[in-house]
Amino acid sequence: MSEQPLWRQAYDKVDKAVTPTVTEVVQSDTFNFALGLGAKVRKTVGKRIGSTAATVWHLVNLPAGTDVRRLRHQVGALDREVRRLTLQLERERHHHGDEHGASHTSDRKE
């Protein structure tokens, strides 16, 4: 087996020295508490920034991201409802056409 390059020897030496300490730190209760606290702070700050940004957008008469998101959900719901009604109408037309011996599917223009 050939000797490892110098950079690899240095990496292995640092890794061997640092890994136990880092492992101990990241598995500690203090680290987990700090991580959780950091997540809460980030969420709170993010909400406040988002709220402030929305206010600024509204002041200049533009929609905020929350407005756009709400509208996208509404458009999606309307799209699903139109599809459902279209399928229902097609079933009704097909059923009505079967009763009278003629299909009304040719009424639609492509």
Protein backbone atom coordinates (compact mmCIF):
# COMPACT_ATOMS: atom_id res chain seq x y z
CA MET A 1 0.00 0.00 0.00
CA SER A 2 1.37 3.40 -0.95
CA GLU A 3 1.71 6.21 1.56
CA GLN A 4 -1.26 8.62 1.75
CA PRO A 5 -0.81 12.18 0.45
CA LEU A 6 0.16 14.80 3.01
CA TRP A 7 -3.20 16.57 2.84
CA ARG A 8 -4.97 13.30 3.68
CA GLN A 9 -2.68 12.64 6.63
CA ALA A 10 -3.38 16.14 7.94
CA TYR A 11 -7.13 15.72 7.44
CA ASP A 12 -7.17 12.37 9.26
CA LYS A 13 -5.17 13.83 12.17
CA VAL A 14 -7.54 16.79 12.58
CA ASP A 15 -10.58 14.56 12.15
CA LYS A 16 -9.35 12.17 14.83
CA ALA A 17 -8.71 15.04 17.25
CA VAL A 18 -11.90 17.03 16.61
CA THR A 19 -14.60 14.40 16.05
CA PRO A 20 -15.05 13.23 19.66
CA THR A 21 -15.41 16.81 20.94
CA VAL A 22 -17.82 17.84 18.20
CA THR A 23 -19.89 14.70 18.73
CA GLU A 24 -20.09 15.38 22.45
CA VAL A 25 -21.16 18.99 21.87
CA VAL A 26 -23.88 18.27 19.30
CA GLN A 27 -25.35 15.53 21.49
CA SER A 28 -25.53 17.77 24.58
CA ASP A 29 -28.74 19.18 26.01
CA THR A 30 -27.28 22.68 25.87
CA PHE A 31 -26.66 22.43 22.14
CA ASN A 32 -30.16 21.09 21.51
CA PHE A 33 -31.67 23.89 23.63
CA ALA A 34 -29.67 26.51 21.74
CA LEU A 35 -30.69 24.97 18.42
CA GLY A 36 -34.38 25.02 19.40
CA LEU A 37 -34.11 28.58 20.68
CA GLY A 38 -32.44 29.65 17.44
CA ALA A 39 -35.27 28.08 15.43
CA LYS A 40 -37.90 29.91 17.50
CA VAL A 41 -36.07 33.23 17.14
CA ARG A 42 -35.73 32.71 13.39
CA LYS A 43 -39.45 31.92 13.06
CA THR A 44 -40.47 34.96 15.14
CA VAL A 45 -38.16 37.31 13.28
CA GLY A 46 -39.30 35.88 9.95
CA LYS A 47 -42.95 36.48 10.84
CA ARG A 48 -42.25 40.06 11.89
CA ILE A 49 -40.26 40.78 8.75
CA GLY A 50 -43.00 39.21 6.63
CA SER A 51 -45.64 41.27 8.38
CA THR A 52 -43.65 44.47 7.93
CA ALA A 53 -43.00 43.68 4.28
CA ALA A 54 -46.72 43.01 3.72
CA THR A 55 -47.56 46.36 5.30
CA VAL A 56 -45.06 48.14 3.06
CA TRP A 57 -46.43 46.43 -0.06
CA HIS A 58 -49.96 47.39 0.93
CA LEU A 59 -48.92 50.99 1.56
CA VAL A 60 -47.78 51.26 -2.06
CA ASN A 61 -50.96 49.48 -3.17
CA LEU A 62 -49.29 46.22 -4.21
CA PRO A 63 -50.21 42.68 -3.14
CA ALA A 64 -48.01 41.00 -0.54
CA GLY A 65 -46.83 37.41 -0.79
CA THR A 66 -49.61 36.29 1.55
CA ASP A 67 -52.18 37.91 -0.75
CA VAL A 68 -50.75 36.13 -3.77
CA ARG A 69 -50.64 32.81 -1.90
CA ARG A 70 -54.29 33.20 -0.82
CA LEU A 71 -55.35 34.06 -4.37
CA ARG A 72 -53.46 31.07 -5.76
CA HIS A 73 -55.32 28.79 -3.36
CA GLN A 74 -58.63 30.35 -4.37
CA VAL A 75 -57.86 29.97 -8.09
CA GLY A 76 -56.87 26.35 -7.49
CA ALA A 77 -60.15 25.69 -5.67
CA LEU A 78 -62.11 27.35 -8.47
CA ASP A 79 -60.23 25.29 -11.07
CA ARG A 80 -61.09 22.07 -9.21
CA GLU A 81 -64.73 23.13 -8.94
CA VAL A 82 -64.93 23.96 -12.67
CA ARG A 83 -63.40 20.58 -13.53
CA ARG A 84 -65.87 18.81 -11.22
CA LEU A 85 -68.82 20.68 -12.75
CA THR A 86 -67.53 20.01 -16.29
CA LEU A 87 -67.36 16.27 -15.59
CA GLN A 88 -70.82 16.37 -14.04
CA LEU A 89 -72.20 18.24 -17.07
CA GLU A 90 -70.57 15.75 -19.46
CA ARG A 91 -72.10 12.84 -17.50
CA GLU A 92 -75.50 14.54 -17.63
CA ARG A 93 -75.19 15.18 -21.36
CA HIS A 94 -74.09 11.61 -21.98
CA HIS A 95 -76.94 10.24 -19.85
CA HIS A 96 -79.45 12.58 -21.52
CA GLY A 97 -78.14 11.64 -24.97
CA ASP A 98 -78.51 7.91 -24.22
CA GLU A 99 -82.16 8.39 -23.26
CA HIS A 100 -82.97 10.16 -26.54
CA GLY A 101 -80.80 8.09 -28.85
CA ALA A 102 -78.43 10.94 -29.74
CA SER A 103 -75.24 12.11 -28.11
CA HIS A 104 -74.77 15.80 -27.44
CA THR A 105 -70.97 15.58 -27.35
CA SER A 106 -70.81 16.90 -30.90
CA ASP A 107 -72.27 20.21 -29.65
CA ARG A 108 -68.87 21.26 -28.39
CA LYS A 109 -66.48 23.07 -30.74
CA GLU A 110 -62.80 22.16 -30.56
